[in-house]
Amino acid sequence: QVQVVESGGGLVQPGGSLRLSCTASGSTFNIYTMDWYRQAPGKQRELVARINSEYTTKYLDSVKGRFTISRDNAKNSVHLQMNSLKPEDTAVYYCYAAAGSYGSYWGQGTQVTVSS
C-alpha cells in the first residue's frame, strides 16, 4: 500500500508565493508519475502539473511561468512552487501518484486561498 500526504497550503495575498509538498510512503517503487491537481468550488478537478520519474514535466496553460513542479525520487516526494499567485488559483490542491496497473493514490488535499 501507498500513503500520500500533502502540506504547505494556506492563505496568501495576490502576487505572493506558496510551496506545496507531497510525500509518498509504503510500496513506492512502482510510482512513475506524480501530479498536482486542484479543484475550486463549482468546478471540475483539473491537472495543474505533472512530473514523471525521468523528470519530464507538464503544466496547465494558466500556470505556466508561475508554477514549478519538482521531484526527489530518493525521498519519494514532489513539490509545487507557486509564484505570482492569483485569486483564480484558489482551490483545494491534491497530490496524485500513479503506478500503472499497480494502482493510483490520492492525497487528502490542502487548501490554497489567494485573497487580499
PDB file of N, CA and C in Angstrom:
ATOM      1  N   GLN A   1       0.818  -1.172   0.000  1.00  0.00           N
ATOM      2  CA  GLN A   1       0.000   0.000   0.000  1.00  0.00           C
ATOM      3  C   GLN A   1       0.873   1.250   0.000  1.00  0.00           C
ATOM      4  N   VAL A   2       0.280   2.341  -0.479  1.00  0.00           N
ATOM      5  CA  VAL A   2       0.970   3.615  -0.569  1.00  0.00           C
ATOM      6  C   VAL A   2       0.153   4.674   0.161  1.00  0.00           C
ATOM      7  N   GLN A   3       0.830   5.502   0.910  1.00  0.00           N
ATOM      8  CA  GLN A   3       0.209   6.631   1.576  1.00  0.00           C
ATOM      9  C   GLN A   3       0.778   7.920   0.991  1.00  0.00           C
ATOM     10  N   VAL A   4      -0.098   8.880   0.720  1.00  0.00           N
ATOM     11  CA  VAL A   4       0.292  10.150   0.128  1.00  0.00           C
ATOM     12  C   VAL A   4      -0.162  11.262   1.056  1.00  0.00           C
ATOM     13  N   VAL A   5       0.777  12.117   1.453  1.00  0.00           N
ATOM     14  CA  VAL A   5       0.484  13.184   2.405  1.00  0.00           C
ATOM     15  C   VAL A   5       0.978  14.512   1.860  1.00  0.00           C
ATOM     16  N   GLU A   6       0.096  15.524   1.859  1.00  0.00           N
ATOM     17  CA  GLU A   6       0.415  16.858   1.371  1.00  0.00           C
ATOM     18  C   GLU A   6       0.544  17.843   2.522  1.00  0.00           C
ATOM     19  N   SER A   7       1.247  18.938   2.247  1.00  0.00           N
ATOM     20  CA  SER A   7       1.358  20.021   3.213  1.00  0.00           C
ATOM     21  C   SER A   7       1.725  21.302   2.482  1.00  0.00           C
ATOM     22  N   GLY A   8       1.605  22.436   3.164  1.00  0.00           N
ATOM     23  CA  GLY A   8       2.068  23.699   2.627  1.00  0.00           C
ATOM     24  C   GLY A   8       0.998  24.672   2.180  1.00  0.00           C
ATOM     25  N   GLY A   9      -0.263  24.270   2.209  1.00  0.00           N
ATOM     26  CA  GLY A   9      -1.327  25.177   1.821  1.00  0.00           C
ATOM     27  C   GLY A   9      -1.516  26.285   2.841  1.00  0.00           C
ATOM     28  N   GLY A  10      -2.296  27.291   2.451  1.00  0.00           N
ATOM     29  CA  GLY A  10      -2.555  28.400   3.348  1.00  0.00           C
ATOM     30  C   GLY A  10      -3.153  29.582   2.630  1.00  0.00           C
ATOM     31  N   LEU A  11      -3.157  30.714   3.320  1.00  0.00           N
ATOM     32  CA  LEU A  11      -3.689  31.967   2.800  1.00  0.00           C
ATOM     33  C   LEU A  11      -2.547  32.867   2.359  1.00  0.00           C
ATOM     34  N   VAL A  12      -2.655  33.408   1.151  1.00  0.00           N
ATOM     35  CA  VAL A  12      -1.617  34.280   0.619  1.00  0.00           C
ATOM     36  C   VAL A  12      -2.279  35.403  -0.185  1.00  0.00           C
ATOM     37  N   GLN A  13      -1.639  36.564  -0.211  1.00  0.00           N
ATOM     38  CA  GLN A  13      -2.154  37.692  -0.983  1.00  0.00           C
ATOM     39  C   GLN A  13      -1.834  37.535  -2.463  1.00  0.00           C
ATOM     40  N   PRO A  14      -2.635  38.148  -3.343  1.00  0.00           N
ATOM     41  CA  PRO A  14      -2.316  38.106  -4.771  1.00  0.00           C
ATOM     42  C   PRO A  14      -0.896  38.584  -5.026  1.00  0.00           C
ATOM     43  N   GLY A  15      -0.194  37.876  -5.902  1.00  0.00           N
ATOM     44  CA  GLY A  15       1.196  38.170  -6.181  1.00  0.00           C
ATOM     45  C   GLY A  15       2.175  37.460  -5.272  1.00  0.00           C
ATOM     46  N   GLY A  16       1.681  36.822  -4.246  1.00  0.00           N
ATOM     47  CA  GLY A  16       2.528  36.115  -3.307  1.00  0.00           C
ATOM     48  C   GLY A  16       2.915  34.734  -3.787  1.00  0.00           C
ATOM     49  N   SER A  17       3.628  34.018  -2.923  1.00  0.00           N
ATOM     50  CA  SER A  17       4.144  32.695  -3.259  1.00  0.00           C
ATOM     51  C   SER A  17       3.795  31.686  -2.175  1.00  0.00           C
ATOM     52  N   LEU A  18       3.754  30.438  -2.585  1.00  0.00           N
ATOM     53  CA  LEU A  18       3.479  29.341  -1.674  1.00  0.00           C
ATOM     54  C   LEU A  18       4.151  28.097  -2.234  1.00  0.00           C
ATOM     55  N   ARG A  19       4.609  27.223  -1.353  1.00  0.00           N
ATOM     56  CA  ARG A  19       5.248  25.983  -1.778  1.00  0.00           C
ATOM     57  C   ARG A  19       4.515  24.796  -1.161  1.00  0.00           C
ATOM     58  N   LEU A  20       3.990  23.931  -2.012  1.00  0.00           N
ATOM     59  CA  LEU A  20       3.307  22.727  -1.571  1.00  0.00           C
ATOM     60  C   LEU A  20       4.262  21.543  -1.623  1.00  0.00           C
ATOM     61  N   SER A  21       4.101  20.635  -0.671  1.00  0.00           N
ATOM     62  CA  SER A  21       4.935  19.445  -0.628  1.00  0.00           C
ATOM     63  C   SER A  21       4.063  18.207  -0.513  1.00  0.00           C
ATOM     64  N   CYS A  22       4.559  17.106  -1.056  1.00  0.00           N
ATOM     65  CA  CYS A  22       3.849  15.840  -1.017  1.00  0.00           C
ATOM     66  C   CYS A  22       4.868  14.724  -0.871  1.00  0.00           C
ATOM     67  N   THR A  23       4.594  13.809   0.036  1.00  0.00           N
ATOM     68  CA  THR A  23       5.478  12.672   0.247  1.00  0.00           C
ATOM     69  C   THR A  23       4.677  11.377   0.184  1.00  0.00           C
ATOM     70  N   ALA A  24       5.182  10.416  -0.574  1.00  0.00           N
ATOM     71  CA  ALA A  24       4.576   9.092  -0.672  1.00  0.00           C
ATOM     72  C   ALA A  24       5.395   8.106   0.140  1.00  0.00           C
ATOM     73  N   SER A  25       4.709   7.231   0.842  1.00  0.00           N
ATOM     74  CA  SER A  25       5.392   6.219   1.631  1.00  0.00           C
ATOM     75  C   SER A  25       4.739   4.862   1.407  1.00  0.00           C
ATOM     76  N   GLY A  26       5.450   3.807   1.771  1.00  0.00           N
ATOM     77  CA  GLY A  26       4.966   2.462   1.556  1.00  0.00           C
ATOM     78  C   GLY A  26       5.651   1.831   0.354  1.00  0.00           C
ATOM     79  N   SER A  27       4.898   1.105  -0.467  1.00  0.00           N
ATOM     80  CA  SER A  27       5.433   0.425  -1.648  1.00  0.00           C
ATOM     81  C   SER A  27       5.524   1.395  -2.815  1.00  0.00           C
ATOM     82  N   THR A  28       6.479   2.293  -2.749  1.00  0.00           N
ATOM     83  CA  THR A  28       6.566   3.400  -3.702  1.00  0.00           C
ATOM     84  C   THR A  28       7.405   3.108  -4.938  1.00  0.00           C
ATOM     85  N   PHE A  29       8.010   1.935  -5.020  1.00  0.00           N
ATOM     86  CA  PHE A  29       8.945   1.662  -6.110  1.00  0.00           C
ATOM     87  C   PHE A  29       8.283   1.586  -7.481  1.00  0.00           C
ATOM     88  N   ASN A  30       6.971   1.404  -7.543  1.00  0.00           N
ATOM     89  CA  ASN A  30       6.258   1.322  -8.814  1.00  0.00           C
ATOM     90  C   ASN A  30       5.682   2.654  -9.281  1.00  0.00           C
ATOM     91  N   ILE A  31       5.848   3.706  -8.501  1.00  0.00           N
ATOM     92  CA  ILE A  31       5.291   5.009  -8.865  1.00  0.00           C
ATOM     93  C   ILE A  31       6.083   5.609 -10.014  1.00  0.00           C
ATOM     94  N   TYR A  32       5.379   5.944 -11.097  1.00  0.00           N
ATOM     95  CA  TYR A  32       6.019   6.513 -12.271  1.00  0.00           C
ATOM     96  C   TYR A  32       5.748   8.010 -12.386  1.00  0.00           C
ATOM     97  N   THR A  33       4.504   8.396 -12.169  1.00  0.00           N
ATOM     98  CA  THR A  33       4.095   9.777 -12.345  1.00  0.00           C
ATOM     99  C   THR A  33       3.524  10.336 -11.044  1.00  0.00           C
ATOM    100  N   MET A  34       3.894  11.567 -10.740  1.00  0.00           N
ATOM    101  CA  MET A  34       3.309  12.269  -9.612  1.00  0.00           C
ATOM    102  C   MET A  34       2.753  13.598 -10.113  1.00  0.00           C
ATOM    103  N   ASP A  35       1.527  13.878  -9.738  1.00  0.00           N
ATOM    104  CA  ASP A  35       0.793  15.031 -10.240  1.00  0.00           C
ATOM    105  C   ASP A  35       0.305  15.920  -9.110  1.00  0.00           C
ATOM    106  N   TRP A  36       0.039  17.168  -9.472  1.00  0.00           N
ATOM    107  CA  TRP A  36      -0.749  18.065  -8.643  1.00  0.00           C
ATOM    108  C   TRP A  36      -2.035  18.411  -9.388  1.00  0.00           C
ATOM    109  N   TYR A  37      -3.162  18.160  -8.753  1.00  0.00           N
ATOM    110  CA  TYR A  37      -4.468  18.556  -9.247  1.00  0.00           C
ATOM    111  C   TYR A  37      -5.034  19.632  -8.334  1.00  0.00           C
ATOM    112  N   ARG A  38      -6.046  20.335  -8.818  1.00  0.00           N
ATOM    113  CA  ARG A  38      -6.755  21.269  -7.964  1.00  0.00           C
ATOM    114  C   ARG A  38      -8.233  21.271  -8.311  1.00  0.00           C
ATOM    115  N   GLN A  39      -9.045  21.621  -7.330  1.00  0.00           N
ATOM    116  CA  GLN A  39     -10.478  21.720  -7.539  1.00  0.00           C
ATOM    117  C   GLN A  39     -11.018  22.923  -6.776  1.00  0.00           C
ATOM    118  N   ALA A  40     -11.601  23.851  -7.518  1.00  0.00           N
ATOM    119  CA  ALA A  40     -12.233  25.020  -6.938  1.00  0.00           C
ATOM    120  C   ALA A  40     -13.729  24.763  -6.790  1.00  0.00           C
ATOM    121  N   PRO A  41     -14.399  25.478  -5.885  1.00  0.00           N
ATOM    122  CA  PRO A  41     -15.843  25.281  -5.706  1.00  0.00           C
ATOM    123  C   PRO A  41     -16.606  25.448  -7.016  1.00  0.00           C
ATOM    124  N   GLY A  42     -17.466  24.489  -7.323  1.00  0.00           N
ATOM    125  CA  GLY A  42     -18.279  24.551  -8.522  1.00  0.00           C
ATOM    126  C   GLY A  42     -17.563  24.204  -9.804  1.00  0.00           C
ATOM    127  N   LYS A  43     -16.311  23.792  -9.717  1.00  0.00           N
ATOM    128  CA  LYS A  43     -15.541  23.460 -10.904  1.00  0.00           C
ATOM    129  C   LYS A  43     -15.038  22.026 -10.843  1.00  0.00           C
ATOM    130  N   GLN A  44     -14.690  21.493 -12.010  1.00  0.00           N
ATOM    131  CA  GLN A  44     -14.130  20.153 -12.081  1.00  0.00           C
ATOM    132  C   GLN A  44     -12.681  20.148 -11.615  1.00  0.00           C
ATOM    133  N   ARG A  45     -12.244  19.004 -11.140  1.00  0.00           N
ATOM    134  CA  ARG A  45     -10.851  18.853 -10.774  1.00  0.00           C
ATOM    135  C   ARG A  45      -9.995  18.891 -12.040  1.00  0.00           C
ATOM    136  N   GLU A  46      -8.898  19.639 -12.001  1.00  0.00           N
ATOM    137  CA  GLU A  46      -8.050  19.790 -13.170  1.00  0.00           C
ATOM    138  C   GLU A  46      -6.594  19.510 -12.833  1.00  0.00           C
ATOM    139  N   LEU A  47      -5.881  19.012 -13.821  1.00  0.00           N
ATOM    140  CA  LEU A  47      -4.458  18.748 -13.664  1.00  0.00           C
ATOM    141  C   LEU A  47      -3.696  20.059 -13.732  1.00  0.00           C
ATOM    142  N   VAL A  48      -2.896  20.334 -12.714  1.00  0.00           N
ATOM    143  CA  VAL A  48      -2.104  21.549 -12.645  1.00  0.00           C
ATOM    144  C   VAL A  48      -0.691  21.320 -13.161  1.00  0.00           C
ATOM    145  N   ALA A  49      -0.062  20.246 -12.710  1.00  0.00           N
ATOM    146  CA  ALA A  49       1.308  19.949 -13.104  1.00  0.00           C
ATOM    147  C   ALA A  49       1.579  18.468 -12.950  1.00  0.00           C
ATOM    148  N   ARG A  50       2.476  17.958 -13.775  1.00  0.00           N
ATOM    149  CA  ARG A  50       2.822  16.543 -13.760  1.00  0.00           C
ATOM    150  C   ARG A  50       4.322  16.377 -13.916  1.00  0.00           C
ATOM    151  N   ILE A  51       4.870  15.384 -13.242  1.00  0.00           N
ATOM    152  CA  ILE A  51       6.271  15.054 -13.402  1.00  0.00           C
ATOM    153  C   ILE A  51       6.423  13.538 -13.311  1.00  0.00           C
ATOM    154  N   ASN A  52       7.195  12.950 -14.239  1.00  0.00           N
ATOM    155  CA  ASN A  52       7.407  11.516 -14.189  1.00  0.00           C
ATOM    156  C   ASN A  52       8.764  11.201 -13.569  1.00  0.00           C
ATOM    157  N   SER A  53       9.091   9.921 -13.511  1.00  0.00           N
ATOM    158  CA  SER A  53      10.311   9.502 -12.836  1.00  0.00           C
ATOM    159  C   SER A  53      11.573   9.920 -13.578  1.00  0.00           C
ATOM    160  N   GLU A  54      11.444  10.314 -14.842  1.00  0.00           N
ATOM    161  CA  GLU A  54      12.561  10.834 -15.615  1.00  0.00           C
ATOM    162  C   GLU A  54      12.586  12.360 -15.618  1.00  0.00           C
ATOM    163  N   TYR A  55      11.759  12.965 -14.797  1.00  0.00           N
ATOM    164  CA  TYR A  55      11.711  14.409 -14.568  1.00  0.00           C
ATOM    165  C   TYR A  55      11.111  15.201 -15.729  1.00  0.00           C
ATOM    166  N   THR A  56      10.397  14.528 -16.629  1.00  0.00           N
ATOM    167  CA  THR A  56       9.641  15.226 -17.662  1.00  0.00           C
ATOM    168  C   THR A  56       8.428  15.886 -17.021  1.00  0.00           C
ATOM    169  N   THR A  57       8.148  17.130 -17.398  1.00  0.00           N
ATOM    170  CA  THR A  57       7.075  17.888 -16.758  1.00  0.00           C
ATOM    171  C   THR A  57       6.017  18.344 -17.746  1.00  0.00           C
ATOM    172  N   LYS A  58       4.843  18.623 -17.209  1.00  0.00           N
ATOM    173  CA  LYS A  58       3.715  19.132 -17.974  1.00  0.00           C
ATOM    174  C   LYS A  58       2.956  20.096 -17.073  1.00  0.00           C
ATOM    175  N   TYR A  59       2.470  21.211 -17.637  1.00  0.00           N
ATOM    176  CA  TYR A  59       1.773  22.219 -16.856  1.00  0.00           C
ATOM    177  C   TYR A  59       0.466  22.647 -17.501  1.00  0.00           C
ATOM    178  N   LEU A  60      -0.493  22.983 -16.661  1.00  0.00           N
ATOM    179  CA  LEU A  60      -1.701  23.646 -17.109  1.00  0.00           C
ATOM    180  C   LEU A  60      -1.306  24.996 -17.711  1.00  0.00           C
ATOM    181  N   ASP A  61      -1.897  25.362 -18.838  1.00  0.00           N
ATOM    182  CA  ASP A  61      -1.508  26.586 -19.530  1.00  0.00           C
ATOM    183  C   ASP A  61      -1.567  27.817 -18.627  1.00  0.00           C
ATOM    184  N   SER A  62      -2.568  27.913 -17.798  1.00  0.00           N
ATOM    185  CA  SER A  62      -2.762  29.101 -16.983  1.00  0.00           C
ATOM    186  C   SER A  62      -1.732  29.263 -15.869  1.00  0.00           C
ATOM    187  N   VAL A  63      -0.940  28.233 -15.596  1.00  0.00           N
ATOM    188  CA  VAL A  63       0.072  28.335 -14.541  1.00  0.00           C
ATOM    189  C   VAL A  63       1.488  28.326 -15.087  1.00  0.00           C
ATOM    190  N   LYS A  64       1.653  28.160 -16.377  1.00  0.00           N
ATOM    191  CA  LYS A  64       2.990  28.146 -16.975  1.00  0.00           C
ATOM    192  C   LYS A  64       3.706  29.465 -16.710  1.00  0.00           C
ATOM    193  N   GLY A  65       4.950  29.360 -16.310  1.00  0.00           N
ATOM    194  CA  GLY A  65       5.730  30.536 -15.987  1.00  0.00           C
ATOM    195  C   GLY A  65       5.581  31.006 -14.566  1.00  0.00           C
ATOM    196  N   ARG A  66       4.591  30.481 -13.855  1.00  0.00           N
ATOM    197  CA  ARG A  66       4.350  30.870 -12.469  1.00  0.00           C
ATOM    198  C   ARG A  66       4.588  29.716 -11.498  1.00  0.00           C
ATOM    199  N   PHE A  67       4.239  28.497 -11.909  1.00  0.00           N
ATOM    200  CA  PHE A  67       4.372  27.325 -11.052  1.00  0.00           C
ATOM    201  C   PHE A  67       5.512  26.447 -11.548  1.00  0.00           C
ATOM    202  N   THR A  68       6.192  25.787 -10.627  1.00  0.00           N
ATOM    203  CA  THR A  68       7.254  24.850 -10.962  1.00  0.00           C
ATOM    204  C   THR A  68       7.085  23.581 -10.140  1.00  0.00           C
ATOM    205  N   ILE A  69       7.030  22.440 -10.815  1.00  0.00           N
ATOM    206  CA  ILE A  69       6.949  21.162 -10.129  1.00  0.00           C
ATOM    207  C   ILE A  69       8.340  20.539 -10.085  1.00  0.00           C
ATOM    208  N   SER A  70       8.663  19.904  -8.979  1.00  0.00           N
ATOM    209  CA  SER A  70       9.942  19.232  -8.835  1.00  0.00           C
ATOM    210  C   SER A  70       9.738  17.922  -8.093  1.00  0.00           C
ATOM    211  N   ARG A  71      10.720  17.030  -8.216  1.00  0.00           N
ATOM    212  CA  ARG A  71      10.586  15.700  -7.633  1.00  0.00           C
ATOM    213  C   ARG A  71      11.926  15.205  -7.122  1.00  0.00           C
ATOM    214  N   ASP A  72      11.868  14.513  -6.001  1.00  0.00           N
ATOM    215  CA  ASP A  72      13.040  13.869  -5.435  1.00  0.00           C
ATOM    216  C   ASP A  72      12.706  12.388  -5.325  1.00  0.00           C
ATOM    217  N   ASN A  73      13.195  11.590  -6.276  1.00  0.00           N
ATOM    218  CA  ASN A  73      12.865  10.169  -6.293  1.00  0.00           C
ATOM    219  C   ASN A  73      13.392   9.431  -5.067  1.00  0.00           C
ATOM    220  N   ALA A  74      14.555   9.838  -4.592  1.00  0.00           N
ATOM    221  CA  ALA A  74      15.137   9.183  -3.428  1.00  0.00           C
ATOM    222  C   ALA A  74      14.272   9.367  -2.190  1.00  0.00           C
ATOM    223  N   LYS A  75      13.633  10.523  -2.083  1.00  0.00           N
ATOM    224  CA  LYS A  75      12.787  10.816  -0.938  1.00  0.00           C
ATOM    225  C   LYS A  75      11.310  10.565  -1.205  1.00  0.00           C
ATOM    226  N   ASN A  76      10.972  10.131  -2.427  1.00  0.00           N
ATOM    227  CA  ASN A  76       9.581   9.878  -2.812  1.00  0.00           C
ATOM    228  C   ASN A  76       8.700  11.093  -2.557  1.00  0.00           C
ATOM    229  N   SER A  77       9.198  12.245  -2.945  1.00  0.00           N
ATOM    230  CA  SER A  77       8.470  13.474  -2.699  1.00  0.00           C
ATOM    231  C   SER A  77       8.347  14.309  -3.968  1.00  0.00           C
ATOM    232  N   VAL A  78       7.329  15.160  -3.986  1.00  0.00           N
ATOM    233  CA  VAL A  78       7.107  16.083  -5.083  1.00  0.00           C
ATOM    234  C   VAL A  78       6.703  17.420  -4.473  1.00  0.00           C
ATOM    235  N   HIS A  79       7.091  18.509  -5.148  1.00  0.00           N
ATOM    236  CA  HIS A  79       6.814  19.844  -4.647  1.00  0.00           C
ATOM    237  C   HIS A  79       6.228  20.699  -5.757  1.00  0.00           C
ATOM    238  N   LEU A  80       5.462  21.690  -5.359  1.00  0.00           N
ATOM    239  CA  LEU A  80       4.915  22.650  -6.303  1.00  0.00           C
ATOM    240  C   LEU A  80       5.193  24.045  -5.775  1.00  0.00           C
ATOM    241  N   GLN A  81       6.126  24.738  -6.426  1.00  0.00           N
ATOM    242  CA  GLN A  81       6.422  26.117  -6.091  1.00  0.00           C
ATOM    243  C   GLN A  81       5.480  27.007  -6.876  1.00  0.00           C
ATOM    244  N   MET A  82       4.678  27.798  -6.186  1.00  0.00           N
ATOM    245  CA  MET A  82       3.675  28.645  -6.811  1.00  0.00           C
ATOM    246  C   MET A  82       4.032  30.100  -6.568  1.00  0.00           C
ATOM    247  N   ASN A  83       4.326  30.815  -7.641  1.00  0.00           N
ATOM    248  CA  ASN A  83       4.665  32.224  -7.572  1.00  0.00           C
ATOM    249  C   ASN A  83       3.618  33.054  -8.302  1.00  0.00           C
ATOM    250  N   SER A  84       3.618  34.353  -8.036  1.00  0.00           N
ATOM    251  CA  SER A  84       2.678  35.278  -8.684  1.00  0.00           C
ATOM    252  C   SER A  84       1.253  34.761  -8.604  1.00  0.00           C
ATOM    253  N   LEU A  85       0.857  34.355  -7.429  1.00  0.00           N
ATOM    254  CA  LEU A  85      -0.458  33.744  -7.248  1.00  0.00           C
ATOM    255  C   LEU A  85      -1.588  34.727  -7.525  1.00  0.00           C
ATOM    256  N   LYS A  86      -2.657  34.198  -8.092  1.00  0.00           N
ATOM    257  CA  LYS A  86      -3.838  34.966  -8.447  1.00  0.00           C
ATOM    258  C   LYS A  86      -5.047  34.421  -7.700  1.00  0.00           C
ATOM    259  N   PRO A  87      -6.081  35.235  -7.505  1.00  0.00           N
ATOM    260  CA  PRO A  87      -7.296  34.727  -6.863  1.00  0.00           C
ATOM    261  C   PRO A  87      -7.869  33.496  -7.572  1.00  0.00           C
ATOM    262  N   GLU A  88      -7.693  33.415  -8.883  1.00  0.00           N
ATOM    263  CA  GLU A  88      -8.177  32.280  -9.646  1.00  0.00           C
ATOM    264  C   GLU A  88      -7.471  30.976  -9.292  1.00  0.00           C
ATOM    265  N   ASP A  89      -6.354  31.052  -8.588  1.00  0.00           N
ATOM    266  CA  ASP A  89      -5.634  29.859  -8.157  1.00  0.00           C
ATOM    267  C   ASP A  89      -6.223  29.253  -6.887  1.00  0.00           C
ATOM    268  N   THR A  90      -7.169  29.930  -6.280  1.00  0.00           N
ATOM    269  CA  THR A  90      -7.784  29.431  -5.054  1.00  0.00           C
ATOM    270  C   THR A  90      -8.479  28.101  -5.318  1.00  0.00           C
ATOM    271  N   ALA A  91      -8.115  27.092  -4.551  1.00  0.00           N
ATOM    272  CA  ALA A  91      -8.661  25.750  -4.739  1.00  0.00           C
ATOM    273  C   ALA A  91      -8.082  24.826  -3.679  1.00  0.00           C
ATOM    274  N   VAL A  92      -8.638  23.624  -3.609  1.00  0.00           N
ATOM    275  CA  VAL A  92      -8.001  22.554  -2.863  1.00  0.00           C
ATOM    276  C   VAL A  92      -7.040  21.856  -3.812  1.00  0.00           C
ATOM    277  N   TYR A  93      -5.793  21.737  -3.405  1.00  0.00           N
ATOM    278  CA  TYR A  93      -4.768  21.112  -4.223  1.00  0.00           C
ATOM    279  C   TYR A  93      -4.506  19.696  -3.731  1.00  0.00           C
ATOM    280  N   TYR A  94      -4.491  18.755  -4.677  1.00  0.00           N
ATOM    281  CA  TYR A  94      -4.329  17.340  -4.362  1.00  0.00           C
ATOM    282  C   TYR A  94      -3.086  16.763  -5.030  1.00  0.00           C
ATOM    283  N   CYS A  95      -2.350  15.978  -4.294  1.00  0.00           N
ATOM    284  CA  CYS A  95      -1.236  15.223  -4.840  1.00  0.00           C
ATOM    285  C   CYS A  95      -1.744  13.865  -5.302  1.00  0.00           C
ATOM    286  N   TYR A  96      -1.232  13.392  -6.426  1.00  0.00           N
ATOM    287  CA  TYR A  96      -1.666  12.135  -7.023  1.00  0.00           C
ATOM    288  C   TYR A  96      -0.454  11.363  -7.514  1.00  0.00           C
ATOM    289  N   ALA A  97      -0.359  10.107  -7.105  1.00  0.00           N
ATOM    290  CA  ALA A  97       0.733   9.240  -7.509  1.00  0.00           C
ATOM    291  C   ALA A  97       0.174   8.090  -8.325  1.00  0.00           C
ATOM    292  N   ALA A  98       0.726   7.877  -9.515  1.00  0.00           N
ATOM    293  CA  ALA A  98       0.261   6.829 -10.418  1.00  0.00           C
ATOM    294  C   ALA A  98       1.309   5.743 -10.567  1.00  0.00           C
ATOM    295  N   ALA A  99       0.865   4.498 -10.470  1.00  0.00           N
ATOM    296  CA  ALA A  99       1.761   3.345 -10.572  1.00  0.00           C
ATOM    297  C   ALA A  99       1.243   2.342 -11.597  1.00  0.00           C
ATOM    298  N   GLY A 100       0.639   2.818 -12.686  1.00  0.00           N
ATOM    299  CA  GLY A 100       0.137   1.960 -13.736  1.00  0.00           C
ATOM    300  C   GLY A 100      -0.864   0.954 -13.215  1.00  0.00           C
ATOM    301  N   SER A 101      -0.689  -0.316 -13.602  1.00  0.00           N
ATOM    302  CA  SER A 101      -1.617  -1.362 -13.195  1.00  0.00           C
ATOM    303  C   SER A 101      -1.555  -1.663 -11.703  1.00  0.00           C
ATOM    304  N   TYR A 102      -0.538  -1.158 -11.027  1.00  0.00           N
ATOM    305  CA  TYR A 102      -0.423  -1.387  -9.582  1.00  0.00           C
ATOM    306  C   TYR A 102      -1.377  -0.519  -8.782  1.00  0.00           C
ATOM    307  N   GLY A 103      -1.858   0.563  -9.389  1.00  0.00           N
ATOM    308  CA  GLY A 103      -2.811   1.419  -8.712  1.00  0.00           C
ATOM    309  C   GLY A 103      -2.451   2.888  -8.779  1.00  0.00           C
ATOM    310  N   SER A 104      -3.314   3.701  -8.199  1.00  0.00           N
ATOM    311  CA  SER A 104      -3.088   5.135  -8.101  1.00  0.00           C
ATOM    312  C   SER A 104      -3.540   5.599  -6.735  1.00  0.00           C
ATOM    313  N   TYR A 105      -2.945   6.697  -6.274  1.00  0.00           N
ATOM    314  CA  TYR A 105      -3.128   7.102  -4.887  1.00  0.00           C
ATOM    315  C   TYR A 105      -3.278   8.613  -4.788  1.00  0.00           C
ATOM    316  N   TRP A 106      -4.294   9.040  -4.050  1.00  0.00           N
ATOM    317  CA  TRP A 106      -4.581  10.456  -3.830  1.00  0.00           C
ATOM    318  C   TRP A 106      -4.223  10.878  -2.423  1.00  0.00           C
ATOM    319  N   GLY A 107      -3.715  12.098  -2.318  1.00  0.00           N
ATOM    320  CA  GLY A 107      -3.553  12.708  -1.015  1.00  0.00           C
ATOM    321  C   GLY A 107      -4.871  13.269  -0.521  1.00  0.00           C
ATOM    322  N   GLN A 108      -4.863  13.800   0.684  1.00  0.00           N
ATOM    323  CA  GLN A 108      -6.098  14.288   1.299  1.00  0.00           C
ATOM    324  C   GLN A 108      -6.485  15.691   0.839  1.00  0.00           C
ATOM    325  N   GLY A 109      -5.566  16.406   0.209  1.00  0.00           N
ATOM    326  CA  GLY A 109      -5.811  17.757  -0.256  1.00  0.00           C
ATOM    327  C   GLY A 109      -5.360  18.802   0.736  1.00  0.00           C
ATOM    328  N   THR A 110      -4.928  19.947   0.213  1.00  0.00           N
ATOM    329  CA  THR A 110      -4.537  21.073   1.048  1.00  0.00           C
ATOM    330  C   THR A 110      -5.113  22.350   0.441  1.00  0.00           C
ATOM    331  N   GLN A 111      -5.712  23.186   1.269  1.00  0.00           N
ATOM    332  CA  GLN A 111      -6.398  24.382   0.797  1.00  0.00           C
ATOM    333  C   GLN A 111      -5.420  25.500   0.504  1.00  0.00           C
ATOM    334  N   VAL A 112      -5.554  26.095  -0.681  1.00  0.00           N
ATOM    335  CA  VAL A 112      -4.810  27.288  -1.061  1.00  0.00           C
ATOM    336  C   VAL A 112      -5.816  28.400  -1.317  1.00  0.00           C
ATOM    337  N   THR A 113      -5.682  29.494  -0.594  1.00  0.00           N
ATOM    338  CA  THR A 113      -6.573  30.629  -0.757  1.00  0.00           C
ATOM    339  C   THR A 113      -5.754  31.869  -1.086  1.00  0.00           C
ATOM    340  N   VAL A 114      -6.074  32.500  -2.209  1.00  0.00           N
ATOM    341  CA  VAL A 114      -5.382  33.706  -2.654  1.00  0.00           C
ATOM    342  C   VAL A 114      -6.377  34.857  -2.574  1.00  0.00           C
ATOM    343  N   SER A 115      -6.154  35.752  -1.641  1.00  0.00           N
ATOM    344  CA  SER A 115      -7.104  36.835  -1.403  1.00  0.00           C
ATOM    345  C   SER A 115      -6.404  37.998  -0.714  1.00  0.00           C
ATOM    346  N   SER A 116      -6.865  39.206  -1.014  1.00  0.00           N
ATOM    347  CA  SER A 116      -6.355  40.390  -0.351  1.00  0.00           C
ATOM    348  C   SER A 116      -7.151  40.709   0.901  1.00  0.00           C
TER     349      SER A 116
END
